[in-house]
Protein backbone atom coordinates (compact mmCIF):
# COMPACT_ATOMS: atom_id res chain seq x y z
CA MET A 1 -186.70 -243.97 -79.61
CA GLY A 2 -184.62 -242.95 -76.61
CA SER A 3 -184.54 -244.69 -73.27
CA LYS A 4 -187.66 -246.04 -71.66
CA LYS A 5 -189.25 -243.72 -69.13
CA HIS A 6 -189.41 -246.39 -66.46
CA SER A 7 -185.98 -247.93 -66.91
CA ARG A 8 -183.98 -248.53 -63.73
CA ARG A 9 -181.60 -245.75 -64.68
CA HIS A 10 -184.43 -243.27 -65.18
CA VAL A 11 -186.28 -244.21 -62.01
CA ARG A 12 -183.12 -243.95 -59.95
CA GLY A 13 -182.93 -240.26 -60.76
CA ILE A 14 -186.42 -239.47 -59.43
CA PRO A 15 -186.36 -238.69 -55.69
CA GLY A 16 -188.61 -241.03 -53.74
CA ARG A 17 -189.56 -243.27 -56.67
CA ALA A 18 -187.33 -246.24 -55.80
CA PRO A 19 -188.09 -246.20 -52.03
CA ALA A 20 -191.81 -246.00 -52.79
CA ALA A 21 -191.55 -248.98 -55.12
CA ARG A 22 -189.68 -250.97 -52.47
CA GLU A 23 -192.34 -250.10 -49.91
CA ARG A 24 -195.12 -251.27 -52.23
CA ARG A 25 -193.32 -254.56 -52.78
CA LEU A 26 -192.87 -254.94 -49.01
CA ILE A 27 -196.58 -254.37 -48.40
CA GLN A 28 -197.59 -256.77 -51.18
CA TYR A 29 -195.34 -259.48 -49.74
CA LYS A 30 -196.68 -258.80 -46.24
CA GLU A 31 -200.27 -259.03 -47.48
CA ARG A 32 -199.59 -262.47 -48.97
CA GLU A 33 -198.19 -263.63 -45.63
CA LEU A 34 -201.17 -262.16 -43.78
CA ARG A 35 -203.69 -263.89 -46.04
CA ALA A 36 -202.01 -267.21 -45.35
CA ALA A 37 -202.06 -266.52 -41.60
CA ILE A 38 -205.73 -265.52 -41.70
CA LEU A 39 -206.65 -268.73 -43.55
CA HIS A 40 -204.87 -270.67 -40.80
CA LEU A 41 -206.69 -268.65 -38.16
CA ARG A 42 -210.10 -269.28 -39.75
CA ALA A 43 -209.38 -273.01 -39.93
CA LEU A 44 -208.64 -273.02 -36.20
CA GLU A 45 -211.92 -271.21 -35.50
CA ARG A 46 -213.89 -273.78 -37.51
CA HIS A 47 -212.24 -276.66 -35.67
CA GLY A 48 -212.95 -275.05 -32.30
CA ASP A 49 -211.90 -277.21 -29.35
CA VAL A 50 -210.49 -279.85 -31.70
CA ALA A 51 -207.52 -277.62 -32.58
CA THR A 52 -204.41 -278.56 -30.61
CA VAL A 53 -202.42 -276.23 -28.38
CA GLU A 54 -199.50 -276.54 -30.79
CA GLU A 55 -201.65 -275.43 -33.74
CA ARG A 56 -202.96 -272.40 -31.86
CA ASP A 57 -199.48 -271.56 -30.64
CA GLN A 58 -198.08 -271.74 -34.16
CA CYS A 59 -200.82 -269.43 -35.42
CA PHE A 60 -200.16 -266.89 -32.67
CA HIS A 61 -196.42 -267.05 -33.32
CA GLU A 62 -196.99 -266.17 -36.98
CA VAL A 63 -199.46 -263.37 -36.24
CA ARG A 64 -197.08 -261.92 -33.64
CA ARG A 65 -194.18 -262.00 -36.10
CA LEU A 66 -196.25 -260.16 -38.68
CA ALA A 67 -197.47 -257.65 -36.08
CA ILE A 68 -194.05 -256.59 -34.82
CA THR A 69 -192.26 -256.41 -38.17
CA PRO A 70 -192.48 -253.25 -40.36
CA LYS A 71 -195.99 -252.21 -41.43
CA GLY A 72 -197.57 -254.51 -38.84
CA LEU A 73 -200.90 -256.02 -39.86
CA VAL A 74 -201.02 -253.54 -42.77
CA SER A 75 -204.73 -252.73 -43.03
CA GLU A 76 -208.18 -252.84 -41.48
CA GLU A 77 -208.97 -255.94 -43.55
CA PHE A 78 -206.42 -258.02 -41.65
CA ARG A 79 -206.87 -256.33 -38.28
CA ARG A 80 -210.56 -257.23 -38.26
CA GLU A 81 -209.51 -260.87 -38.42
CA ALA A 82 -206.44 -260.78 -36.16
CA TRP A 83 -207.38 -258.45 -33.30
CA PRO A 84 -210.37 -260.53 -32.07
CA PHE A 85 -208.16 -263.64 -32.16
CA LEU A 86 -205.46 -261.88 -30.13
CA LEU A 87 -208.04 -260.74 -27.57
CA GLY A 88 -209.73 -264.11 -27.13
CA VAL A 89 -212.98 -263.14 -28.87
CA ASP A 90 -214.95 -266.07 -30.27
CA ARG A 91 -216.13 -264.60 -33.56
CA LEU A 92 -218.25 -267.60 -34.54
CA THR A 93 -220.42 -267.93 -31.46
CA GLN A 94 -220.33 -264.18 -30.70
CA ASN A 95 -220.60 -264.58 -26.97
CA GLY A 96 -219.73 -260.92 -26.55
CA LEU A 97 -221.88 -258.29 -24.95
CA SER A 98 -224.68 -256.65 -26.88
CA THR A 99 -224.04 -253.12 -28.09
CA THR A 100 -227.63 -252.29 -27.35
CA GLY A 101 -227.66 -253.56 -23.79
CA ASN A 102 -228.14 -251.64 -20.55
CA SER A 103 -226.03 -248.61 -21.42
CA SER A 104 -228.28 -245.60 -20.85
CA ALA A 105 -226.58 -242.47 -19.62
CA GLU A 106 -228.41 -242.61 -16.27
CA THR A 107 -227.20 -246.05 -15.21
CA HIS A 108 -223.50 -245.50 -14.57
CA ARG A 109 -221.59 -243.27 -12.16
CA ASP A 110 -219.28 -242.01 -14.93
CA ALA A 111 -221.97 -241.54 -17.58
CA ALA A 112 -221.90 -237.72 -17.48
CA GLN A 113 -218.14 -237.57 -18.07
CA VAL A 114 -218.39 -240.19 -20.81
CA GLU A 115 -221.01 -238.10 -22.60
CA LYS A 116 -218.85 -234.96 -22.40
CA ASP A 117 -215.73 -236.69 -23.70
CA VAL A 118 -217.52 -238.51 -26.51
CA GLU A 119 -219.15 -235.27 -27.64
CA ARG A 120 -215.66 -233.85 -28.23
CA SER A 121 -214.29 -237.04 -29.81
CA LEU A 122 -213.84 -238.51 -33.30
CA TRP A 123 -212.29 -235.36 -34.72
CA HIS A 124 -208.52 -235.49 -34.63
CA TYR A 125 -207.70 -238.56 -36.76
CA ASP A 126 -207.01 -237.96 -40.44
CA VAL A 127 -209.57 -240.60 -41.48
CA LEU A 128 -212.33 -238.62 -39.75
CA GLN A 129 -211.67 -235.22 -41.26
CA ARG A 130 -214.07 -235.52 -44.20
CA ILE A 131 -216.83 -237.80 -42.95
CA LYS A 132 -220.42 -236.59 -42.89
CA GLU A 133 -221.63 -235.07 -39.65
CA SER A 134 -224.45 -237.62 -39.53
CA ASP A 135 -221.84 -240.42 -39.67
CA ARG A 136 -219.87 -238.76 -36.89
CA ARG A 137 -222.96 -238.61 -34.68
CA SER A 138 -223.70 -242.25 -35.43
CA LYS A 139 -220.17 -243.27 -34.46
CA ARG A 140 -220.40 -241.23 -31.28
CA ARG A 141 -223.59 -243.03 -30.28
CA ALA A 142 -221.90 -246.37 -30.91
CA LEU A 143 -218.85 -245.22 -28.94
CA THR A 144 -221.01 -244.26 -25.96
CA GLN A 145 -222.88 -247.58 -26.08
CA ILE A 146 -219.66 -249.60 -26.10
CA ILE A 147 -218.06 -247.63 -23.27
CA LEU A 148 -221.11 -247.74 -21.01
CA GLY A 149 -221.79 -251.36 -21.93
CA VAL A 150 -218.32 -252.38 -20.75
CA LEU A 151 -218.52 -250.24 -17.61
CA ASN A 152 -221.96 -251.58 -16.68
CA ALA A 153 -220.75 -255.15 -17.16
CA ASN A 154 -218.02 -254.73 -14.54
CA ASP A 155 -218.56 -252.43 -11.56
CA GLU A 156 -214.85 -252.59 -10.71
CA LEU A 157 -213.94 -250.70 -13.88
CA PHE A 158 -213.76 -246.92 -13.55
CA TYR A 159 -213.76 -244.58 -16.52
CA PHE A 160 -210.74 -242.31 -17.05
CA GLN A 161 -210.34 -239.44 -19.49
CA GLY A 162 -208.61 -240.86 -22.53
CA TYR A 163 -210.38 -244.22 -22.34
CA HIS A 164 -212.76 -243.05 -25.07
CA ASP A 165 -209.73 -242.64 -27.37
CA ILE A 166 -208.81 -246.29 -26.85
CA VAL A 167 -212.34 -247.50 -27.52
CA SER A 168 -212.58 -245.32 -30.63
CA VAL A 169 -209.57 -247.15 -32.13
CA PHE A 170 -211.37 -250.48 -31.76
CA LEU A 171 -214.64 -249.01 -33.04
CA LEU A 172 -213.00 -247.55 -36.16
CA THR A 173 -211.08 -250.76 -36.83
CA LEU A 174 -213.55 -253.51 -35.94
CA GLY A 175 -216.82 -251.67 -36.50
CA ASN A 176 -219.84 -251.55 -34.21
CA SER A 177 -220.44 -255.18 -33.29
CA LYS A 178 -220.57 -257.65 -30.42
CA ASN A 179 -217.00 -258.61 -31.28
CA THR A 180 -215.91 -255.03 -30.69
CA MET A 181 -217.67 -254.91 -27.33
CA GLN A 182 -216.04 -258.14 -26.20
CA ALA A 183 -212.61 -257.05 -27.47
CA VAL A 184 -212.85 -253.76 -25.57
CA GLN A 185 -214.02 -255.56 -22.43
CA ASN A 186 -211.07 -257.96 -22.54
CA VAL A 187 -208.59 -255.12 -23.07
CA SER A 188 -210.18 -253.14 -20.24
CA GLU A 189 -209.97 -256.01 -17.75
CA THR A 190 -206.34 -256.83 -18.56
CA TYR A 191 -204.05 -254.41 -20.40
CA GLN A 192 -205.99 -251.34 -19.22
CA ARG A 193 -206.95 -252.69 -15.80
CA GLU A 194 -204.64 -250.41 -13.80
CA PRO A 195 -205.82 -247.09 -15.32
CA MET A 196 -209.40 -248.26 -14.76
CA ARG A 197 -209.09 -248.65 -10.99
CA SER A 198 -210.63 -246.11 -8.65
CA GLY A 199 -207.24 -244.41 -8.24
CA PHE A 200 -204.16 -243.81 -10.38
CA GLU A 201 -201.58 -244.64 -7.71
CA GLN A 202 -200.29 -247.84 -9.32
CA VAL A 203 -200.20 -246.27 -12.78
CA MET A 204 -198.16 -243.34 -11.46
CA GLU A 205 -195.71 -245.68 -9.75
CA THR A 206 -195.36 -247.78 -12.89
CA THR A 207 -194.71 -244.67 -14.99
CA ARG A 208 -191.72 -243.98 -12.74
CA LEU A 209 -190.08 -247.08 -14.25
CA LEU A 210 -189.40 -244.99 -17.35
CA PHE A 211 -186.41 -243.22 -15.81
CA PRO A 212 -184.60 -246.38 -14.60
CA LEU A 213 -185.17 -247.75 -18.10
CA LEU A 214 -183.71 -244.65 -19.75
CA ASP A 215 -180.84 -244.61 -17.25
CA ALA A 216 -179.93 -248.18 -18.18
CA ALA A 217 -180.17 -247.48 -21.92
CA ASP A 218 -178.49 -244.06 -22.07
CA GLU A 219 -176.97 -242.72 -18.87
CA LEU A 220 -175.94 -239.37 -20.34
CA LEU A 221 -179.43 -238.69 -21.71
CA PHE A 222 -181.02 -239.63 -18.40
CA GLN A 223 -178.68 -237.30 -16.49
CA HIS A 224 -179.64 -234.45 -18.81
CA LEU A 225 -183.35 -235.11 -18.21
CA HIS A 226 -182.83 -235.45 -14.47
CA ALA A 227 -180.93 -232.15 -14.32
CA SER A 228 -183.92 -230.34 -15.83
CA GLY A 229 -186.12 -231.47 -12.93
CA VAL A 230 -188.64 -233.07 -15.25
CA GLU A 231 -190.67 -236.04 -14.00
CA PRO A 232 -191.55 -239.07 -16.17
CA PHE A 233 -195.25 -238.18 -16.14
CA PHE A 234 -195.04 -236.55 -19.57
CA ALA A 235 -195.31 -240.17 -20.78
CA LEU A 236 -198.40 -241.00 -18.70
CA PRO A 237 -200.92 -240.12 -21.47
CA TRP A 238 -198.86 -242.13 -23.96
CA MET A 239 -198.98 -245.22 -21.78
CA ILE A 240 -202.60 -245.20 -20.67
CA THR A 241 -204.07 -244.46 -24.13
CA TRP A 242 -201.44 -246.36 -26.16
CA PHE A 243 -200.70 -243.06 -27.95
CA ALA A 244 -204.28 -242.86 -29.27
CA HIS A 245 -204.70 -239.33 -27.88
CA GLN A 246 -201.41 -237.95 -29.21
CA LEU A 247 -201.21 -239.12 -32.83
CA LYS A 248 -203.19 -237.66 -35.72
CA ARG A 249 -202.59 -240.30 -38.39
CA PHE A 250 -204.87 -243.23 -37.64
CA GLU A 251 -202.65 -245.77 -39.42
CA ASP A 252 -199.85 -244.92 -36.96
CA VAL A 253 -202.17 -245.56 -34.01
CA ALA A 254 -203.38 -248.87 -35.45
CA ARG A 255 -199.76 -249.84 -36.16
CA LEU A 256 -198.89 -249.39 -32.49
CA TYR A 257 -201.97 -251.31 -31.39
CA ASP A 258 -200.82 -254.22 -33.58
CA VAL A 259 -197.71 -254.42 -31.41
CA PHE A 260 -199.35 -253.74 -28.05
CA LEU A 261 -201.83 -256.59 -28.54
CA VAL A 262 -199.06 -259.18 -29.00
CA THR A 263 -196.65 -257.96 -26.32
CA HIS A 264 -196.36 -257.44 -22.58
CA PRO A 265 -198.74 -254.84 -21.04
CA LEU A 266 -195.70 -252.75 -20.09
CA PHE A 267 -194.52 -252.57 -23.69
CA SER A 268 -196.11 -249.12 -23.93
CA LEU A 269 -193.48 -248.08 -21.37
CA TYR A 270 -190.72 -249.40 -23.63
CA VAL A 271 -192.23 -247.62 -26.64
CA SER A 272 -192.28 -244.43 -24.55
CA ALA A 273 -188.59 -244.97 -23.83
CA GLY A 274 -188.01 -245.57 -27.54
CA VAL A 275 -189.64 -242.23 -28.37
CA VAL A 276 -187.28 -240.45 -25.98
CA LEU A 277 -184.17 -242.35 -27.09
CA GLU A 278 -184.88 -241.68 -30.77
CA ALA A 279 -185.04 -237.95 -29.97
CA ARG A 280 -181.72 -238.05 -28.09
CA GLU A 281 -179.93 -235.27 -29.95
CA LYS A 282 -182.94 -232.97 -29.79
CA ILE A 283 -183.27 -233.53 -26.04
CA LEU A 284 -179.57 -232.96 -25.36
CA ARG A 285 -179.79 -229.63 -27.19
CA CYS A 286 -182.80 -228.60 -25.10
CA GLU A 287 -182.29 -226.20 -22.22
CA ARG A 288 -182.24 -227.83 -18.77
CA ASP A 289 -185.40 -226.04 -17.74
CA PHE A 290 -188.44 -227.88 -16.44
CA GLY A 291 -191.07 -226.06 -18.48
CA THR A 292 -189.10 -226.08 -21.72
CA MET A 293 -188.10 -229.73 -21.36
CA HIS A 294 -191.56 -230.95 -20.37
CA GLY A 295 -193.21 -229.15 -23.28
CA MET A 296 -190.72 -230.54 -25.78
CA LEU A 297 -191.00 -234.10 -24.44
CA SER A 298 -194.80 -234.02 -24.51
CA SER A 299 -194.78 -233.23 -28.24
CA LEU A 300 -192.26 -235.92 -29.28
CA PRO A 301 -194.81 -238.51 -30.53
CA LEU A 302 -195.97 -236.11 -33.25
CA SER A 303 -192.59 -236.29 -34.99
CA MET A 304 -191.50 -239.84 -34.17
CA ASP A 305 -190.61 -242.49 -36.74
CA ILE A 306 -193.01 -245.29 -35.78
CA GLU A 307 -190.95 -248.17 -37.14
CA LYS A 308 -187.68 -246.96 -35.60
CA VAL A 309 -189.35 -246.45 -32.23
CA ILE A 310 -190.92 -249.93 -32.28
CA ALA A 311 -187.62 -251.54 -33.27
CA ARG A 312 -185.75 -249.74 -30.49
CA ALA A 313 -188.44 -250.65 -27.96
CA LEU A 314 -188.24 -254.33 -28.94
CA VAL A 315 -184.47 -254.38 -28.47
CA LEU A 316 -184.73 -252.57 -25.13
CA PHE A 317 -187.47 -254.96 -23.96
CA HIS A 318 -185.12 -257.91 -24.52
CA GLN A 319 -182.14 -256.13 -22.97
CA LEU A 320 -184.03 -255.26 -19.79
CA PRO A 321 -187.28 -257.26 -19.40
CA PRO A 322 -190.00 -256.01 -17.02
CA GLU A 323 -189.03 -258.30 -14.13
CA GLN A 324 -185.42 -257.11 -14.26
CA LEU A 325 -186.52 -253.50 -14.65
CA ARG A 326 -188.72 -253.83 -11.57
CA LYS A 327 -185.68 -254.83 -9.51
CA LEU A 328 -183.99 -251.55 -10.46
CA SER A 329 -186.90 -249.58 -9.01
CA ASP A 330 -188.35 -249.10 -5.54
CA LEU A 331 -191.73 -250.61 -6.41
CA ASP A 332 -193.30 -252.31 -3.41
CA ALA A 333 -193.32 -256.10 -3.81
CA GLY A 334 -196.84 -256.33 -2.42
CA SER A 335 -198.27 -253.83 -4.88
CA VAL A 336 -196.46 -255.53 -7.76
CA SER A 337 -198.06 -258.88 -6.90
CA ARG A 338 -201.49 -257.25 -7.22
CA CYS A 339 -200.61 -255.20 -10.29
CA ALA A 340 -202.26 -256.32 -13.55
CA TYR A 341 -199.18 -255.24 -15.49
CA PHE A 342 -197.24 -258.11 -13.92
CA GLN A 343 -199.98 -260.78 -14.21
CA TYR A 344 -199.24 -261.38 -17.88
CA PRO A 345 -200.05 -263.53 -19.82
CA TYR A 346 -203.78 -263.30 -19.28
CA GLU A 347 -206.39 -266.05 -19.23
CA TYR A 348 -207.42 -265.56 -22.87
CA GLN A 349 -203.76 -265.85 -24.01
CA PRO A 350 -203.08 -269.62 -23.79
CA TRP A 351 -200.22 -269.64 -26.30
CA PRO A 352 -196.99 -271.10 -24.83
CA CYS A 353 -194.74 -268.96 -27.04
CA ILE A 354 -196.23 -265.70 -25.77
CA SER A 355 -193.67 -265.58 -22.96
CA LYS A 356 -190.73 -266.51 -25.17
CA PRO A 357 -188.31 -263.96 -26.70
CA MET A 358 -189.35 -262.29 -29.94
CA LEU A 359 -185.78 -261.46 -30.99
CA LYS A 360 -182.44 -263.21 -30.85
CA ASP A 361 -178.83 -262.03 -31.01
CA VAL A 362 -179.77 -258.87 -29.10
CA PRO A 363 -176.67 -256.99 -27.86
CA PRO A 364 -176.40 -256.27 -24.13
CA LEU A 365 -177.08 -252.86 -22.63
CA PRO A 366 -174.22 -250.36 -22.90
CA ALA A 367 -171.68 -250.24 -20.09
CA ARG A 368 -172.43 -247.39 -17.74
CA LEU A 369 -170.42 -244.21 -18.16
CA SER A 370 -169.58 -244.09 -14.44
CA ARG A 371 -167.89 -247.50 -14.67
CA LEU A 372 -166.02 -246.66 -17.86
CA VAL A 373 -164.56 -243.51 -16.37
CA LYS A 374 -163.29 -245.40 -13.31
CA GLN A 375 -161.91 -248.44 -15.13
CA VAL A 376 -159.02 -247.28 -17.30
CA SER A 377 -158.52 -250.86 -18.49
CA PHE A 378 -161.49 -250.36 -20.82
CA PHE A 379 -159.49 -247.92 -22.98
CA PHE A 380 -157.13 -248.80 -25.79
CA ILE A 381 -155.05 -246.14 -27.57
CA VAL A 382 -154.63 -246.64 -31.30
CA PRO A 383 -152.20 -244.86 -33.66
CA ASN A 384 -154.61 -242.35 -35.18
CA HIS A 385 -155.64 -240.97 -31.75
CA VAL A 386 -159.10 -242.57 -31.81
CA LEU A 387 -159.97 -244.40 -28.60
CA THR A 388 -161.98 -247.59 -28.99
CA VAL A 389 -164.56 -248.22 -26.27
CA ALA A 390 -166.61 -251.43 -26.23
CA TRP A 391 -170.17 -250.44 -25.31
CA GLY A 392 -168.95 -247.07 -24.10
CA SER A 393 -170.39 -243.60 -23.81
CA MET A 394 -167.17 -241.58 -24.07
CA VAL A 395 -164.11 -241.57 -26.31
CA LEU A 396 -160.89 -239.58 -26.14
CA TYR A 397 -159.59 -237.73 -29.17
CA ARG A 398 -156.17 -236.14 -28.62
CA GLY A 399 -156.83 -235.98 -24.92
CA VAL A 400 -160.33 -234.46 -25.19
CA GLU A 401 -163.40 -236.36 -23.98
CA MET A 402 -166.11 -236.66 -26.60
CA GLU A 403 -169.61 -238.13 -26.40
CA THR A 404 -170.73 -241.05 -28.54
CA ARG A 405 -174.01 -242.88 -28.84
CA PRO A 406 -174.06 -245.47 -26.02
CA THR A 407 -175.11 -248.28 -28.34
CA THR A 408 -172.12 -247.87 -30.64
CA PHE A 409 -168.41 -248.40 -30.58
CA TRP A 410 -165.70 -246.66 -32.55
CA VAL A 411 -163.39 -248.37 -34.99
CA PRO A 412 -160.73 -246.28 -36.79
CA GLY A 413 -162.37 -245.03 -39.97
CA ARG A 414 -165.93 -246.22 -39.31
CA LEU A 415 -168.72 -246.33 -36.75
CA LEU A 416 -170.61 -249.59 -36.33
CA SER A 417 -174.12 -249.53 -34.89
CA LEU A 418 -174.68 -252.56 -32.69
CA SER A 419 -178.40 -251.89 -32.39
CA GLN A 420 -178.81 -253.15 -35.95
CA GLN A 421 -177.51 -256.63 -35.15
CA TRP A 422 -180.56 -258.28 -33.58
CA ARG A 423 -182.70 -260.74 -35.54
CA LEU A 424 -186.23 -262.07 -35.26
CA VAL A 425 -186.67 -265.43 -33.63
CA SER A 426 -187.56 -267.82 -36.43
């Protein structure tokens, strides 16, 4: 009698039901792909040195594809398999450091600060809100052991505030094991090498690359930021902790780590740019005051759409790769040659495809507003008074200049977004 409750027509009328169903199907399909990739990965581990470079490269290519596409590696189950592989950890022989090694609080120069930071840690993630206090204390002890174990193993590594947030992500994902210790050590000596030097000079200089990147992507937005007097250092905590200190939802943090572990060490800079670019309208409405602007920018990660930010960062990375971005800055060539950010790929990343593009058919960067204003030949008047600008930032409507998104162009009657036209490399 009557229509079925779960008919397509009925479901369509319930807000959120259809999108939720599509998301479940997406996750189920992704999980099937991940299981196949993990089986391939385990086979490579069993074969050890017998596995060919091509086989390892193919496996990395598949894991990278799954990591950068929506939902990433999906869950802890798959991350426990994939992250050690991506960080060069031999899970079978377990040649990692021992979590119970020489890590007493008296043996390291930074031990006192580590103890203070760890004592305040493991609170702000949603997955930690309801755990028993005894479990929290146990995790803190493990966190301290891992941090001091890594620091004691390499005297050239210096602790920085926020490092405990990074290590906590690996602890909560991989558990307290030798694999976790080795994974953290490899990350610390490569991706996080610059923040772990005795000084922050190189990190500060690298953070300044954010503004040339924003200027190339959206000149109008950059000019608005520049006019407020704000410096790019609002993004410094994002970059050095991979957003682990800013975000509250642990799945969002793990999702970003999926991407960071398969991309260039400067990809956190591109994600930072993506956060700013996605908040374009909000920023342009903000008063050009240093304090107001800095406060608003610092809070942007809390409201960002993770998948949109990652997608925008990937496109921007292909439009203006790190080596090209460096040429737009005043970074000293000598310091760059010594900088760990530009020594990628690292020794434990032997996969040939790691340096190859992840996307294809990526549109070029928008033409700069300053050039468009000077070159009248870029403009074409059409009958309905709409001015078409290819890769422009301004249009004229009945003689009045109007702003448009720099990654779009106007066609009479419709607006086509060019940022949607890239595709994954197959």
